[in-house]
Protein backbone atom coordinates (compact mmCIF):
# COMPACT_ATOMS: atom_id res chain seq x y z
CA UNK A 1 0.00 0.00 0.00
CA UNK A 2 1.26 3.48 -0.86
CA UNK A 3 0.69 6.60 1.16
CA UNK A 4 1.10 10.05 -0.33
CA UNK A 5 1.41 13.47 1.15
CA UNK A 6 1.03 16.87 -0.43
CA UNK A 7 4.20 18.88 -0.93
CA UNK A 8 4.56 22.54 -1.73
CA UNK A 9 7.59 23.39 -3.84
CA UNK A 10 8.94 26.59 -5.31
CA UNK A 11 10.67 26.58 -8.68
CA UNK A 12 12.65 29.46 -10.13
CA UNK A 13 10.62 30.64 -13.14
CA UNK A 14 12.55 33.74 -14.23
CA UNK A 15 15.58 35.80 -13.31
CA UNK A 16 16.40 39.42 -14.18
CA UNK A 17 19.99 40.55 -14.64
CA UNK A 18 20.77 43.13 -11.97
CA UNK A 19 23.00 45.06 -14.39
CA UNK A 20 21.28 45.17 -17.79
CA UNK A 21 17.78 44.06 -16.68
CA UNK A 22 17.61 41.28 -19.30
CA UNK A 23 14.84 38.87 -18.28
CA UNK A 24 16.00 35.25 -18.33
CA UNK A 25 13.62 32.28 -18.46
CA UNK A 26 13.92 28.54 -19.06
CA UNK A 27 12.31 29.14 -22.48
CA UNK A 28 15.75 30.33 -23.65
CA UNK A 29 17.97 27.53 -22.29
CA UNK A 30 21.28 29.00 -23.46
CA UNK A 31 20.78 32.25 -21.59
CA UNK A 32 19.06 30.57 -18.64
CA UNK A 33 21.79 27.99 -18.03
CA UNK A 34 24.61 30.50 -18.36
CA UNK A 35 23.32 33.05 -15.86
CA UNK A 36 25.35 33.62 -12.71
CA UNK A 37 23.45 33.82 -9.44
CA UNK A 38 25.31 34.36 -6.18
CA UNK A 39 23.98 34.38 -2.61
CA UNK A 40 26.64 34.90 0.01
CA UNK A 41 26.12 35.00 3.76
CA UNK A 42 28.56 37.49 5.24
CA UNK A 43 30.63 36.56 8.23
CA UNK A 44 31.94 38.49 11.20
CA UNK A 45 33.55 41.84 10.39
CA UNK A 46 32.34 41.86 6.76
CA UNK A 47 32.35 45.20 4.96
CA UNK A 48 28.73 44.36 4.02
CA UNK A 49 27.66 43.89 7.64
CA UNK A 50 27.82 40.96 10.02
CA UNK A 51 25.53 38.15 8.91
CA UNK A 52 24.02 40.04 5.97
CA UNK A 53 23.17 38.34 2.70
CA UNK A 54 24.80 39.62 -0.51
CA UNK A 55 22.97 38.55 -3.66
CA UNK A 56 23.60 39.08 -7.36
CA UNK A 57 22.07 37.83 -10.62
CA UNK A 58 23.91 38.47 -13.90
CA UNK A 59 23.30 37.32 -17.46
CA UNK A 60 26.28 35.72 -19.22
CA UNK A 61 26.92 38.89 -21.23
CA UNK A 62 27.28 41.04 -18.12
CA UNK A 63 29.45 38.41 -16.43
CA UNK A 64 31.88 38.67 -19.33
CA UNK A 65 31.72 42.48 -19.51
CA UNK A 66 32.12 43.06 -15.76
CA UNK A 67 34.30 40.15 -14.65
CA UNK A 68 35.94 39.09 -17.93
CA UNK A 69 39.51 40.06 -17.17
CA UNK A 70 39.48 38.03 -13.94
CA UNK A 71 37.66 34.94 -15.20
CA UNK A 72 39.58 31.73 -15.84
CA UNK A 73 37.82 30.03 -18.76
CA UNK A 74 38.87 26.63 -20.04
CA UNK A 75 37.72 23.06 -20.59
CA UNK A 76 36.66 20.91 -17.62
CA UNK A 77 39.63 19.42 -15.77
CA UNK A 78 37.72 16.24 -14.98
CA UNK A 79 36.72 13.95 -17.88
CA UNK A 80 33.68 12.81 -15.90
CA UNK A 81 32.47 16.43 -15.77
CA UNK A 82 33.20 16.84 -19.49
CA UNK A 83 30.98 13.84 -20.19
CA UNK A 84 28.13 15.36 -18.16
CA UNK A 85 28.49 18.59 -20.13
CA UNK A 86 28.36 16.77 -23.47
CA UNK A 87 25.29 14.80 -22.36
CA UNK A 88 23.56 18.01 -21.22
CA UNK A 89 24.31 19.78 -24.51
CA UNK A 90 23.01 16.95 -26.68
CA UNK A 91 19.84 16.64 -24.59
CA UNK A 92 18.91 20.33 -24.49
CA UNK A 93 15.28 20.97 -25.48
CA UNK A 94 16.12 22.98 -28.61
CA UNK A 95 19.01 20.87 -29.96
CA UNK A 96 19.06 20.94 -33.72
CA UNK A 97 16.85 24.04 -33.84
CA UNK A 98 19.65 26.45 -32.94
CA UNK A 99 21.93 27.59 -35.76
CA UNK A 100 24.91 27.56 -33.36
CA UNK A 101 24.43 23.89 -32.44
CA UNK A 102 23.07 21.32 -34.83
CA UNK A 103 22.81 17.56 -34.49
CA UNK A 104 25.10 15.66 -36.84
CA UNK A 105 23.22 14.38 -39.86
CA UNK A 106 23.11 10.62 -40.22
PDB file of N, CA and C in Angstrom:
ATOM      1  N   UNK A   1       0.846  -1.175   0.000  1.00  0.00           N
ATOM      2  CA  UNK A   1       0.000   0.000   0.000  1.00  0.00           C
ATOM      3  C   UNK A   1       0.892   1.240   0.000  1.00  0.00           C
ATOM      4  N   UNK A   2       0.512   2.236  -0.768  1.00  0.00           N
ATOM      5  CA  UNK A   2       1.264   3.480  -0.856  1.00  0.00           C
ATOM      6  C   UNK A   2       0.508   4.602  -0.165  1.00  0.00           C
ATOM      7  N   UNK A   3       1.259   5.417   0.511  1.00  0.00           N
ATOM      8  CA  UNK A   3       0.688   6.601   1.156  1.00  0.00           C
ATOM      9  C   UNK A   3       1.360   7.822   0.568  1.00  0.00           C
ATOM     10  N   UNK A   4       0.578   8.833   0.266  1.00  0.00           N
ATOM     11  CA  UNK A   4       1.099  10.053  -0.329  1.00  0.00           C
ATOM     12  C   UNK A   4       0.815  11.232   0.580  1.00  0.00           C
ATOM     13  N   UNK A   5       1.641  12.235   0.438  1.00  0.00           N
ATOM     14  CA  UNK A   5       1.408  13.474   1.147  1.00  0.00           C
ATOM     15  C   UNK A   5       1.594  14.629   0.165  1.00  0.00           C
ATOM     16  N   UNK A   6       0.914  15.695   0.425  1.00  0.00           N
ATOM     17  CA  UNK A   6       1.026  16.870  -0.428  1.00  0.00           C
ATOM     18  C   UNK A   6       2.304  17.624  -0.081  1.00  0.00           C
ATOM     19  N   UNK A   7       2.955  18.143  -1.115  1.00  0.00           N
ATOM     20  CA  UNK A   7       4.197  18.881  -0.934  1.00  0.00           C
ATOM     21  C   UNK A   7       4.085  20.200  -1.695  1.00  0.00           C
ATOM     22  N   UNK A   8       4.521  21.253  -1.059  1.00  0.00           N
ATOM     23  CA  UNK A   8       4.559  22.543  -1.729  1.00  0.00           C
ATOM     24  C   UNK A   8       6.002  22.823  -2.106  1.00  0.00           C
ATOM     25  N   UNK A   9       6.229  23.128  -3.371  1.00  0.00           N
ATOM     26  CA  UNK A   9       7.592  23.388  -3.839  1.00  0.00           C
ATOM     27  C   UNK A   9       7.610  24.691  -4.620  1.00  0.00           C
ATOM     28  N   UNK A  10       8.739  25.378  -4.530  1.00  0.00           N
ATOM     29  CA  UNK A  10       8.937  26.591  -5.310  1.00  0.00           C
ATOM     30  C   UNK A  10       9.997  26.311  -6.359  1.00  0.00           C
ATOM     31  N   UNK A  11       9.736  26.765  -7.582  1.00  0.00           N
ATOM     32  CA  UNK A  11      10.670  26.575  -8.679  1.00  0.00           C
ATOM     33  C   UNK A  11      10.980  27.950  -9.273  1.00  0.00           C
ATOM     34  N   UNK A  12      12.249  28.202  -9.529  1.00  0.00           N
ATOM     35  CA  UNK A  12      12.645  29.464 -10.131  1.00  0.00           C
ATOM     36  C   UNK A  12      12.098  29.524 -11.550  1.00  0.00           C
ATOM     37  N   UNK A  13      11.284  30.542 -11.847  1.00  0.00           N
ATOM     38  CA  UNK A  13      10.625  30.640 -13.143  1.00  0.00           C
ATOM     39  C   UNK A  13      11.239  31.706 -14.038  1.00  0.00           C
ATOM     40  N   UNK A  14      11.927  32.670 -13.452  1.00  0.00           N
ATOM     41  CA  UNK A  14      12.553  33.739 -14.225  1.00  0.00           C
ATOM     42  C   UNK A  14      13.602  34.414 -13.349  1.00  0.00           C
ATOM     43  N   UNK A  15      14.510  35.100 -14.000  1.00  0.00           N
ATOM     44  CA  UNK A  15      15.583  35.803 -13.308  1.00  0.00           C
ATOM     45  C   UNK A  15      15.887  37.051 -14.136  1.00  0.00           C
ATOM     46  N   UNK A  16      16.078  38.184 -13.479  1.00  0.00           N
ATOM     47  CA  UNK A  16      16.398  39.420 -14.184  1.00  0.00           C
ATOM     48  C   UNK A  16      17.820  39.837 -13.839  1.00  0.00           C
ATOM     49  N   UNK A  17      18.613  40.114 -14.844  1.00  0.00           N
ATOM     50  CA  UNK A  17      19.988  40.546 -14.639  1.00  0.00           C
ATOM     51  C   UNK A  17      19.979  41.870 -13.881  1.00  0.00           C
ATOM     52  N   UNK A  18      20.718  41.918 -12.792  1.00  0.00           N
ATOM     53  CA  UNK A  18      20.766  43.127 -11.975  1.00  0.00           C
ATOM     54  C   UNK A  18      21.481  44.280 -12.672  1.00  0.00           C
ATOM     55  N   UNK A  19      22.245  44.004 -13.701  1.00  0.00           N
ATOM     56  CA  UNK A  19      23.002  45.057 -14.390  1.00  0.00           C
ATOM     57  C   UNK A  19      22.257  45.591 -15.610  1.00  0.00           C
ATOM     58  N   UNK A  20      21.890  44.710 -16.536  1.00  0.00           N
ATOM     59  CA  UNK A  20      21.277  45.174 -17.793  1.00  0.00           C
ATOM     60  C   UNK A  20      19.761  44.976 -17.823  1.00  0.00           C
ATOM     61  N   UNK A  21      19.218  44.294 -16.822  1.00  0.00           N
ATOM     62  CA  UNK A  21      17.780  44.056 -16.677  1.00  0.00           C
ATOM     63  C   UNK A  21      17.210  43.106 -17.733  1.00  0.00           C
ATOM     64  N   UNK A  22      18.068  42.315 -18.363  1.00  0.00           N
ATOM     65  CA  UNK A  22      17.605  41.284 -19.302  1.00  0.00           C
ATOM     66  C   UNK A  22      16.837  40.244 -18.494  1.00  0.00           C
ATOM     67  N   UNK A  23      15.653  39.871 -18.972  1.00  0.00           N
ATOM     68  CA  UNK A  23      14.845  38.870 -18.282  1.00  0.00           C
ATOM     69  C   UNK A  23      15.213  37.501 -18.837  1.00  0.00           C
ATOM     70  N   UNK A  24      15.573  36.599 -17.949  1.00  0.00           N
ATOM     71  CA  UNK A  24      16.003  35.252 -18.328  1.00  0.00           C
ATOM     72  C   UNK A  24      14.948  34.245 -17.886  1.00  0.00           C
ATOM     73  N   UNK A  25      14.597  33.320 -18.788  1.00  0.00           N
ATOM     74  CA  UNK A  25      13.624  32.281 -18.462  1.00  0.00           C
ATOM     75  C   UNK A  25      14.103  30.947 -19.025  1.00  0.00           C
ATOM     76  N   UNK A  26      13.561  29.855 -18.527  1.00  0.00           N
ATOM     77  CA  UNK A  26      13.924  28.538 -19.059  1.00  0.00           C
ATOM     78  C   UNK A  26      13.539  28.356 -20.524  1.00  0.00           C
ATOM     79  N   UNK A  27      12.693  29.226 -21.062  1.00  0.00           N
ATOM     80  CA  UNK A  27      12.311  29.142 -22.479  1.00  0.00           C
ATOM     81  C   UNK A  27      13.486  29.427 -23.406  1.00  0.00           C
ATOM     82  N   UNK A  28      14.519  30.063 -22.884  1.00  0.00           N
ATOM     83  CA  UNK A  28      15.745  30.328 -23.653  1.00  0.00           C
ATOM     84  C   UNK A  28      16.885  29.640 -22.910  1.00  0.00           C
ATOM     85  N   UNK A  29      17.041  28.313 -23.111  1.00  0.00           N
ATOM     86  CA  UNK A  29      17.967  27.529 -22.293  1.00  0.00           C
ATOM     87  C   UNK A  29      19.406  28.029 -22.291  1.00  0.00           C
ATOM     88  N   UNK A  30      19.900  28.525 -23.420  1.00  0.00           N
ATOM     89  CA  UNK A  30      21.284  28.996 -23.456  1.00  0.00           C
ATOM     90  C   UNK A  30      21.517  30.132 -22.480  1.00  0.00           C
ATOM     91  N   UNK A  31      20.652  31.117 -22.504  1.00  0.00           N
ATOM     92  CA  UNK A  31      20.784  32.254 -21.590  1.00  0.00           C
ATOM     93  C   UNK A  31      20.501  31.830 -20.153  1.00  0.00           C
ATOM     94  N   UNK A  32      19.482  30.999 -19.982  1.00  0.00           N
ATOM     95  CA  UNK A  32      19.063  30.565 -18.644  1.00  0.00           C
ATOM     96  C   UNK A  32      20.180  29.786 -17.945  1.00  0.00           C
ATOM     97  N   UNK A  33      20.775  28.840 -18.652  1.00  0.00           N
ATOM     98  CA  UNK A  33      21.788  27.989 -18.034  1.00  0.00           C
ATOM     99  C   UNK A  33      23.095  28.730 -17.773  1.00  0.00           C
ATOM    100  N   UNK A  34      23.343  29.791 -18.498  1.00  0.00           N
ATOM    101  CA  UNK A  34      24.613  30.497 -18.358  1.00  0.00           C
ATOM    102  C   UNK A  34      24.544  31.711 -17.440  1.00  0.00           C
ATOM    103  N   UNK A  35      23.409  31.930 -16.797  1.00  0.00           N
ATOM    104  CA  UNK A  35      23.322  33.048 -15.855  1.00  0.00           C
ATOM    105  C   UNK A  35      24.188  32.745 -14.632  1.00  0.00           C
ATOM    106  N   UNK A  36      24.568  33.784 -13.931  1.00  0.00           N
ATOM    107  CA  UNK A  36      25.354  33.618 -12.711  1.00  0.00           C
ATOM    108  C   UNK A  36      24.555  34.216 -11.564  1.00  0.00           C
ATOM    109  N   UNK A  37      24.184  33.376 -10.620  1.00  0.00           N
ATOM    110  CA  UNK A  37      23.454  33.824  -9.441  1.00  0.00           C
ATOM    111  C   UNK A  37      24.298  33.503  -8.219  1.00  0.00           C
ATOM    112  N   UNK A  38      24.479  34.510  -7.370  1.00  0.00           N
ATOM    113  CA  UNK A  38      25.307  34.359  -6.179  1.00  0.00           C
ATOM    114  C   UNK A  38      24.513  34.813  -4.966  1.00  0.00           C
ATOM    115  N   UNK A  39      24.490  34.003  -3.930  1.00  0.00           N
ATOM    116  CA  UNK A  39      23.983  34.384  -2.615  1.00  0.00           C
ATOM    117  C   UNK A  39      25.081  34.064  -1.622  1.00  0.00           C
ATOM    118  N   UNK A  40      25.530  35.067  -0.915  1.00  0.00           N
ATOM    119  CA  UNK A  40      26.644  34.898   0.013  1.00  0.00           C
ATOM    120  C   UNK A  40      26.260  35.428   1.381  1.00  0.00           C
ATOM    121  N   UNK A  41      26.372  34.573   2.384  1.00  0.00           N
ATOM    122  CA  UNK A  41      26.120  35.004   3.762  1.00  0.00           C
ATOM    123  C   UNK A  41      27.417  35.558   4.338  1.00  0.00           C
ATOM    124  N   UNK A  42      27.369  36.811   4.722  1.00  0.00           N
ATOM    125  CA  UNK A  42      28.562  37.486   5.235  1.00  0.00           C
ATOM    126  C   UNK A  42      28.897  37.003   6.642  1.00  0.00           C
ATOM    127  N   UNK A  43      30.166  36.967   6.916  1.00  0.00           N
ATOM    128  CA  UNK A  43      30.627  36.564   8.231  1.00  0.00           C
ATOM    129  C   UNK A  43      30.913  37.758   9.130  1.00  0.00           C
ATOM    130  N   UNK A  44      31.571  37.467  10.222  1.00  0.00           N
ATOM    131  CA  UNK A  44      31.943  38.492  11.200  1.00  0.00           C
ATOM    132  C   UNK A  44      32.896  39.490  10.569  1.00  0.00           C
ATOM    133  N   UNK A  45      32.675  40.742  10.819  1.00  0.00           N
ATOM    134  CA  UNK A  45      33.546  41.837  10.387  1.00  0.00           C
ATOM    135  C   UNK A  45      33.541  42.049   8.868  1.00  0.00           C
ATOM    136  N   UNK A  46      32.450  41.653   8.205  1.00  0.00           N
ATOM    137  CA  UNK A  46      32.336  41.862   6.759  1.00  0.00           C
ATOM    138  C   UNK A  46      32.095  43.340   6.466  1.00  0.00           C
ATOM    139  N   UNK A  47      32.608  43.814   5.342  1.00  0.00           N
ATOM    140  CA  UNK A  47      32.351  45.197   4.957  1.00  0.00           C
ATOM    141  C   UNK A  47      30.880  45.391   4.582  1.00  0.00           C
ATOM    142  N   UNK A  48      30.150  44.291   4.358  1.00  0.00           N
ATOM    143  CA  UNK A  48      28.731  44.364   4.024  1.00  0.00           C
ATOM    144  C   UNK A  48      27.837  44.254   5.256  1.00  0.00           C
ATOM    145  N   UNK A  49      28.424  44.007   6.395  1.00  0.00           N
ATOM    146  CA  UNK A  49      27.663  43.886   7.639  1.00  0.00           C
ATOM    147  C   UNK A  49      27.619  42.454   8.130  1.00  0.00           C
ATOM    148  N   UNK A  50      27.799  42.294   9.405  1.00  0.00           N
ATOM    149  CA  UNK A  50      27.824  40.962  10.016  1.00  0.00           C
ATOM    150  C   UNK A  50      26.531  40.201   9.737  1.00  0.00           C
ATOM    151  N   UNK A  51      26.657  39.036   9.131  1.00  0.00           N
ATOM    152  CA  UNK A  51      25.526  38.150   8.910  1.00  0.00           C
ATOM    153  C   UNK A  51      24.597  38.555   7.781  1.00  0.00           C
ATOM    154  N   UNK A  52      24.889  39.637   7.078  1.00  0.00           N
ATOM    155  CA  UNK A  52      24.024  40.041   5.970  1.00  0.00           C
ATOM    156  C   UNK A  52      24.137  39.082   4.799  1.00  0.00           C
ATOM    157  N   UNK A  53      23.167  39.159   3.902  1.00  0.00           N
ATOM    158  CA  UNK A  53      23.169  38.343   2.697  1.00  0.00           C
ATOM    159  C   UNK A  53      23.461  39.249   1.506  1.00  0.00           C
ATOM    160  N   UNK A  54      24.483  38.905   0.717  1.00  0.00           N
ATOM    161  CA  UNK A  54      24.798  39.623  -0.508  1.00  0.00           C
ATOM    162  C   UNK A  54      24.326  38.753  -1.661  1.00  0.00           C
ATOM    163  N   UNK A  55      23.502  39.310  -2.536  1.00  0.00           N
ATOM    164  CA  UNK A  55      22.972  38.551  -3.664  1.00  0.00           C
ATOM    165  C   UNK A  55      23.212  39.280  -4.971  1.00  0.00           C
ATOM    166  N   UNK A  56      23.343  38.514  -6.048  1.00  0.00           N
ATOM    167  CA  UNK A  56      23.599  39.079  -7.364  1.00  0.00           C
ATOM    168  C   UNK A  56      23.135  38.105  -8.431  1.00  0.00           C
ATOM    169  N   UNK A  57      22.465  38.622  -9.459  1.00  0.00           N
ATOM    170  CA  UNK A  57      22.072  37.834 -10.622  1.00  0.00           C
ATOM    171  C   UNK A  57      22.570  38.565 -11.861  1.00  0.00           C
ATOM    172  N   UNK A  58      23.375  37.874 -12.671  1.00  0.00           N
ATOM    173  CA  UNK A  58      23.911  38.472 -13.896  1.00  0.00           C
ATOM    174  C   UNK A  58      23.680  37.538 -15.079  1.00  0.00           C
ATOM    175  N   UNK A  59      23.361  38.111 -16.235  1.00  0.00           N
ATOM    176  CA  UNK A  59      23.303  37.324 -17.462  1.00  0.00           C
ATOM    177  C   UNK A  59      24.747  37.041 -17.894  1.00  0.00           C
ATOM    178  N   UNK A  60      24.929  36.094 -18.797  1.00  0.00           N
ATOM    179  CA  UNK A  60      26.278  35.721 -19.220  1.00  0.00           C
ATOM    180  C   UNK A  60      27.013  36.878 -19.884  1.00  0.00           C
ATOM    181  N   UNK A  61      26.291  37.754 -20.543  1.00  0.00           N
ATOM    182  CA  UNK A  61      26.920  38.886 -21.231  1.00  0.00           C
ATOM    183  C   UNK A  61      27.519  39.867 -20.225  1.00  0.00           C
ATOM    184  N   UNK A  62      26.774  40.134 -19.155  1.00  0.00           N
ATOM    185  CA  UNK A  62      27.276  41.044 -18.124  1.00  0.00           C
ATOM    186  C   UNK A  62      28.404  40.410 -17.316  1.00  0.00           C
ATOM    187  N   UNK A  63      28.348  39.095 -17.109  1.00  0.00           N
ATOM    188  CA  UNK A  63      29.455  38.410 -16.426  1.00  0.00           C
ATOM    189  C   UNK A  63      30.744  38.653 -17.201  1.00  0.00           C
ATOM    190  N   UNK A  64      30.684  38.476 -18.513  1.00  0.00           N
ATOM    191  CA  UNK A  64      31.878  38.672 -19.333  1.00  0.00           C
ATOM    192  C   UNK A  64      32.320  40.134 -19.316  1.00  0.00           C
ATOM    193  N   UNK A  65      31.370  41.065 -19.457  1.00  0.00           N
ATOM    194  CA  UNK A  65      31.723  42.483 -19.509  1.00  0.00           C
ATOM    195  C   UNK A  65      32.281  42.999 -18.182  1.00  0.00           C
ATOM    196  N   UNK A  66      31.712  42.541 -17.071  1.00  0.00           N
ATOM    197  CA  UNK A  66      32.119  43.061 -15.761  1.00  0.00           C
ATOM    198  C   UNK A  66      33.303  42.294 -15.179  1.00  0.00           C
ATOM    199  N   UNK A  67      33.297  40.987 -15.310  1.00  0.00           N
ATOM    200  CA  UNK A  67      34.305  40.154 -14.655  1.00  0.00           C
ATOM    201  C   UNK A  67      35.319  39.541 -15.618  1.00  0.00           C
ATOM    202  N   UNK A  68      35.154  39.767 -16.901  1.00  0.00           N
ATOM    203  CA  UNK A  68      35.940  39.095 -17.931  1.00  0.00           C
ATOM    204  C   UNK A  68      37.427  39.008 -17.700  1.00  0.00           C
ATOM    205  N   UNK A  69      38.052  40.099 -17.303  1.00  0.00           N
ATOM    206  CA  UNK A  69      39.511  40.064 -17.173  1.00  0.00           C
ATOM    207  C   UNK A  69      39.987  39.202 -16.005  1.00  0.00           C
ATOM    208  N   UNK A  70      39.083  38.862 -15.078  1.00  0.00           N
ATOM    209  CA  UNK A  70      39.475  38.034 -13.936  1.00  0.00           C
ATOM    210  C   UNK A  70      38.983  36.596 -14.044  1.00  0.00           C
ATOM    211  N   UNK A  71      38.193  36.292 -15.059  1.00  0.00           N
ATOM    212  CA  UNK A  71      37.662  34.941 -15.199  1.00  0.00           C
ATOM    213  C   UNK A  71      38.717  34.002 -15.783  1.00  0.00           C
ATOM    214  N   UNK A  72      38.734  32.782 -15.282  1.00  0.00           N
ATOM    215  CA  UNK A  72      39.576  31.729 -15.840  1.00  0.00           C
ATOM    216  C   UNK A  72      38.636  30.801 -16.610  1.00  0.00           C
ATOM    217  N   UNK A  73      38.724  30.809 -17.925  1.00  0.00           N
ATOM    218  CA  UNK A  73      37.820  30.027 -18.763  1.00  0.00           C
ATOM    219  C   UNK A  73      38.628  28.958 -19.483  1.00  0.00           C
ATOM    220  N   UNK A  74      38.185  27.730 -19.389  1.00  0.00           N
ATOM    221  CA  UNK A  74      38.875  26.626 -20.042  1.00  0.00           C
ATOM    222  C   UNK A  74      38.023  25.384 -19.981  1.00  0.00           C
ATOM    223  N   UNK A  75      38.491  24.309 -20.596  1.00  0.00           N
ATOM    224  CA  UNK A  75      37.723  23.060 -20.589  1.00  0.00           C
ATOM    225  C   UNK A  75      37.696  22.454 -19.187  1.00  0.00           C
ATOM    226  N   UNK A  76      36.719  21.575 -18.926  1.00  0.00           N
ATOM    227  CA  UNK A  76      36.665  20.906 -17.624  1.00  0.00           C
ATOM    228  C   UNK A  76      37.951  20.134 -17.359  1.00  0.00           C
ATOM    229  N   UNK A  77      38.418  20.136 -16.141  1.00  0.00           N
ATOM    230  CA  UNK A  77      39.631  19.416 -15.773  1.00  0.00           C
ATOM    231  C   UNK A  77      39.357  17.931 -15.560  1.00  0.00           C
ATOM    232  N   UNK A  78      38.107  17.609 -15.298  1.00  0.00           N
ATOM    233  CA  UNK A  78      37.717  16.239 -14.983  1.00  0.00           C
ATOM    234  C   UNK A  78      36.943  15.661 -16.173  1.00  0.00           C
ATOM    235  N   UNK A  79      37.387  14.546 -16.722  1.00  0.00           N
ATOM    236  CA  UNK A  79      36.717  13.948 -17.881  1.00  0.00           C
ATOM    237  C   UNK A  79      35.288  13.537 -17.558  1.00  0.00           C
ATOM    238  N   UNK A  80      35.038  13.165 -16.305  1.00  0.00           N
ATOM    239  CA  UNK A  80      33.680  12.806 -15.905  1.00  0.00           C
ATOM    240  C   UNK A  80      32.768  14.025 -16.053  1.00  0.00           C
ATOM    241  N   UNK A  81      33.249  15.192 -15.629  1.00  0.00           N
ATOM    242  CA  UNK A  81      32.473  16.426 -15.767  1.00  0.00           C
ATOM    243  C   UNK A  81      32.287  16.779 -17.237  1.00  0.00           C
ATOM    244  N   UNK A  82      33.303  16.563 -18.059  1.00  0.00           N
ATOM    245  CA  UNK A  82      33.201  16.843 -19.493  1.00  0.00           C
ATOM    246  C   UNK A  82      32.110  15.977 -20.122  1.00  0.00           C
ATOM    247  N   UNK A  83      32.013  14.730 -19.690  1.00  0.00           N
ATOM    248  CA  UNK A  83      30.976  13.836 -20.189  1.00  0.00           C
ATOM    249  C   UNK A  83      29.588  14.313 -19.807  1.00  0.00           C
ATOM    250  N   UNK A  84      29.422  14.826 -18.590  1.00  0.00           N
ATOM    251  CA  UNK A  84      28.131  15.365 -18.158  1.00  0.00           C
ATOM    252  C   UNK A  84      27.752  16.572 -19.005  1.00  0.00           C
ATOM    253  N   UNK A  85      28.739  17.403 -19.315  1.00  0.00           N
ATOM    254  CA  UNK A  85      28.489  18.587 -20.126  1.00  0.00           C
ATOM    255  C   UNK A  85      28.042  18.186 -21.525  1.00  0.00           C
ATOM    256  N   UNK A  86      28.721  17.225 -22.123  1.00  0.00           N
ATOM    257  CA  UNK A  86      28.359  16.772 -23.465  1.00  0.00           C
ATOM    258  C   UNK A  86      26.946  16.191 -23.469  1.00  0.00           C
ATOM    259  N   UNK A  87      26.614  15.390 -22.453  1.00  0.00           N
ATOM    260  CA  UNK A  87      25.285  14.803 -22.362  1.00  0.00           C
ATOM    261  C   UNK A  87      24.243  15.901 -22.244  1.00  0.00           C
ATOM    262  N   UNK A  88      24.513  16.908 -21.408  1.00  0.00           N
ATOM    263  CA  UNK A  88      23.564  18.011 -21.220  1.00  0.00           C
ATOM    264  C   UNK A  88      23.357  18.788 -22.516  1.00  0.00           C
ATOM    265  N   UNK A  89      24.424  19.027 -23.251  1.00  0.00           N
ATOM    266  CA  UNK A  89      24.307  19.776 -24.506  1.00  0.00           C
ATOM    267  C   UNK A  89      23.474  19.029 -25.535  1.00  0.00           C
ATOM    268  N   UNK A  90      23.720  17.738 -25.676  1.00  0.00           N
ATOM    269  CA  UNK A  90      23.013  16.949 -26.677  1.00  0.00           C
ATOM    270  C   UNK A  90      21.543  16.789 -26.310  1.00  0.00           C
ATOM    271  N   UNK A  91      21.219  16.856 -25.027  1.00  0.00           N
ATOM    272  CA  UNK A  91      19.843  16.640 -24.592  1.00  0.00           C
ATOM    273  C   UNK A  91      19.098  17.930 -24.255  1.00  0.00           C
ATOM    274  N   UNK A  92      19.610  19.064 -24.700  1.00  0.00           N
ATOM    275  CA  UNK A  92      18.905  20.329 -24.487  1.00  0.00           C
ATOM    276  C   UNK A  92      17.613  20.315 -25.294  1.00  0.00           C
ATOM    277  N   UNK A  93      16.581  21.009 -24.806  1.00  0.00           N
ATOM    278  CA  UNK A  93      15.279  20.974 -25.483  1.00  0.00           C
ATOM    279  C   UNK A  93      15.298  21.470 -26.928  1.00  0.00           C
ATOM    280  N   UNK A  94      16.157  22.411 -27.261  1.00  0.00           N
ATOM    281  CA  UNK A  94      16.124  22.978 -28.606  1.00  0.00           C
ATOM    282  C   UNK A  94      17.281  22.510 -29.487  1.00  0.00           C
ATOM    283  N   UNK A  95      17.888  21.374 -29.168  1.00  0.00           N
ATOM    284  CA  UNK A  95      19.014  20.875 -29.955  1.00  0.00           C
ATOM    285  C   UNK A  95      18.570  20.623 -31.385  1.00  0.00           C
ATOM    286  N   UNK A  96      19.368  21.094 -32.307  1.00  0.00           N
ATOM    287  CA  UNK A  96      19.060  20.942 -33.715  1.00  0.00           C
ATOM    288  C   UNK A  96      18.232  22.081 -34.271  1.00  0.00           C
ATOM    289  N   UNK A  97      17.651  22.900 -33.393  1.00  0.00           N
ATOM    290  CA  UNK A  97      16.848  24.036 -33.837  1.00  0.00           C
ATOM    291  C   UNK A  97      17.661  25.327 -33.770  1.00  0.00           C
ATOM    292  N   UNK A  98      18.801  25.279 -33.128  1.00  0.00           N
ATOM    293  CA  UNK A  98      19.650  26.453 -32.936  1.00  0.00           C
ATOM    294  C   UNK A  98      20.743  26.444 -34.001  1.00  0.00           C
ATOM    295  N   UNK A  99      20.932  27.550 -34.688  1.00  0.00           N
ATOM    296  CA  UNK A  99      21.932  27.589 -35.758  1.00  0.00           C
ATOM    297  C   UNK A  99      23.358  27.415 -35.236  1.00  0.00           C
ATOM    298  N   UNK A 100      23.568  27.695 -33.935  1.00  0.00           N
ATOM    299  CA  UNK A 100      24.908  27.558 -33.359  1.00  0.00           C
ATOM    300  C   UNK A 100      25.220  26.104 -32.982  1.00  0.00           C
ATOM    301  N   UNK A 101      24.213  25.272 -32.889  1.00  0.00           N
ATOM    302  CA  UNK A 101      24.432  23.892 -32.443  1.00  0.00           C
ATOM    303  C   UNK A 101      23.451  22.999 -33.165  1.00  0.00           C
ATOM    304  N   UNK A 102      23.926  22.218 -34.082  1.00  0.00           N
ATOM    305  CA  UNK A 102      23.068  21.316 -34.834  1.00  0.00           C
ATOM    306  C   UNK A 102      23.485  19.886 -34.608  1.00  0.00           C
ATOM    307  N   UNK A 103      22.508  18.993 -34.593  1.00  0.00           N
ATOM    308  CA  UNK A 103      22.813  17.565 -34.495  1.00  0.00           C
ATOM    309  C   UNK A 103      23.505  17.108 -35.765  1.00  0.00           C
ATOM    310  N   UNK A 104      24.470  16.206 -35.637  1.00  0.00           N
ATOM    311  CA  UNK A 104      25.104  15.661 -36.843  1.00  0.00           C
ATOM    312  C   UNK A 104      24.075  14.932 -37.687  1.00  0.00           C
ATOM    313  N   UNK A 105      24.155  15.072 -38.958  1.00  0.00           N
ATOM    314  CA  UNK A 105      23.224  14.382 -39.858  1.00  0.00           C
ATOM    315  C   UNK A 105      23.708  12.957 -40.089  1.00  0.00           C
ATOM    316  N   UNK A 106      22.765  12.040 -40.065  1.00  0.00           N
ATOM    317  CA  UNK A 106      23.113  10.617 -40.225  1.00  0.00           C
ATOM    318  C   UNK A 106      23.091  10.213 -41.677  1.00  0.00           C
TER     319      UNK A 106
END
